Amino acid sequence: GDKAPRAAGVIHTDFEKGFIKADIYGYADIDKLGSEGALREKGLIRSEGKEYTVKDGDVCHFKFSN
């Protein structure tokens, strides 16, 4: 239930400090379709900003600048 930057900071404080955005998709979607490429083809990967609240089951690829 944390905002994306705080969730990124759980991994490493630099991720939180330099947070730009996060690419998000659901674990259930990757489990079903098998690859990020398949998710991308179906438009199931979305970019979210600093106000996004991370949900249970989200897979997050954090983009940051140091």
Protein backbone atom coordinates (compact mmCIF):
# COMPACT_ATOMS: atom_id res chain seq x y z
CA GLY A 1 0.00 0.00 0.00
CA ASP A 2 2.98 2.36 -0.24
CA LYS A 3 3.41 5.01 -2.92
CA ALA A 4 5.76 3.89 -5.69
CA PRO A 5 8.81 5.91 -4.54
CA ARG A 6 8.60 4.51 -1.00
CA ALA A 7 8.20 0.96 -2.34
CA ALA A 8 11.29 1.53 -4.49
CA GLY A 9 13.13 2.73 -1.39
CA VAL A 10 12.51 -0.61 0.30
CA ILE A 11 14.87 -2.11 -2.30
CA HIS A 12 17.47 0.67 -2.05
CA THR A 13 17.32 4.23 -0.76
CA ASP A 14 18.81 5.55 -4.03
CA PHE A 15 15.75 4.18 -5.86
CA GLU A 16 13.49 6.34 -3.70
CA LYS A 17 15.66 9.46 -3.90
CA GLY A 18 15.98 9.38 -7.69
CA PHE A 19 12.57 7.90 -8.54
CA ILE A 20 11.32 8.82 -12.02
CA LYS A 21 8.54 6.31 -12.76
CA ALA A 22 7.66 2.64 -12.52
CA ASP A 23 6.55 0.21 -15.19
CA ILE A 24 3.85 -1.94 -13.60
CA TYR A 25 2.09 -5.19 -14.47
CA GLY A 26 0.28 -7.85 -12.52
CA TYR A 27 1.90 -11.10 -11.42
CA ALA A 28 -1.21 -12.99 -12.57
CA ASP A 29 -0.78 -11.52 -16.08
CA ILE A 30 2.87 -12.58 -16.42
CA ASP A 31 2.00 -16.00 -14.99
CA LYS A 32 -0.74 -16.40 -17.61
CA LEU A 33 1.04 -14.95 -20.66
CA GLY A 34 4.60 -16.01 -19.85
CA SER A 35 6.66 -13.02 -20.97
CA GLU A 36 6.94 -9.27 -20.75
CA GLY A 37 6.86 -9.17 -24.55
CA ALA A 38 3.41 -10.77 -24.56
CA LEU A 39 2.24 -8.32 -21.90
CA ARG A 40 3.59 -5.40 -23.96
CA GLU A 41 1.78 -6.67 -27.09
CA LYS A 42 -1.50 -6.71 -25.17
CA GLY A 43 -0.90 -3.30 -23.57
CA LEU A 44 -0.78 -4.69 -20.04
CA ILE A 45 2.38 -2.86 -18.94
CA ARG A 46 1.71 0.68 -17.77
CA SER A 47 3.90 3.53 -16.56
CA GLU A 48 3.01 5.08 -13.23
CA GLY A 49 4.36 8.12 -11.39
CA LYS A 50 5.08 9.16 -7.83
CA GLU A 51 1.45 9.09 -6.71
CA TYR A 52 0.79 5.47 -7.70
CA THR A 53 -0.07 3.18 -4.78
CA VAL A 54 1.55 -0.22 -5.20
CA LYS A 55 -0.92 -3.09 -4.86
CA ASP A 56 -0.44 -6.70 -3.80
CA GLY A 57 0.49 -8.69 -6.91
CA ASP A 58 2.13 -5.78 -8.77
CA VAL A 59 5.45 -6.38 -10.49
CA CYS A 60 7.40 -3.12 -10.59
CA HIS A 61 10.35 -2.07 -12.71
CA PHE A 62 11.56 1.16 -11.14
CA LYS A 63 13.21 3.85 -13.26
CA PHE A 64 15.47 6.20 -11.33
CA SER A 65 18.31 8.65 -11.71
CA ASN A 66 21.22 8.89 -9.34
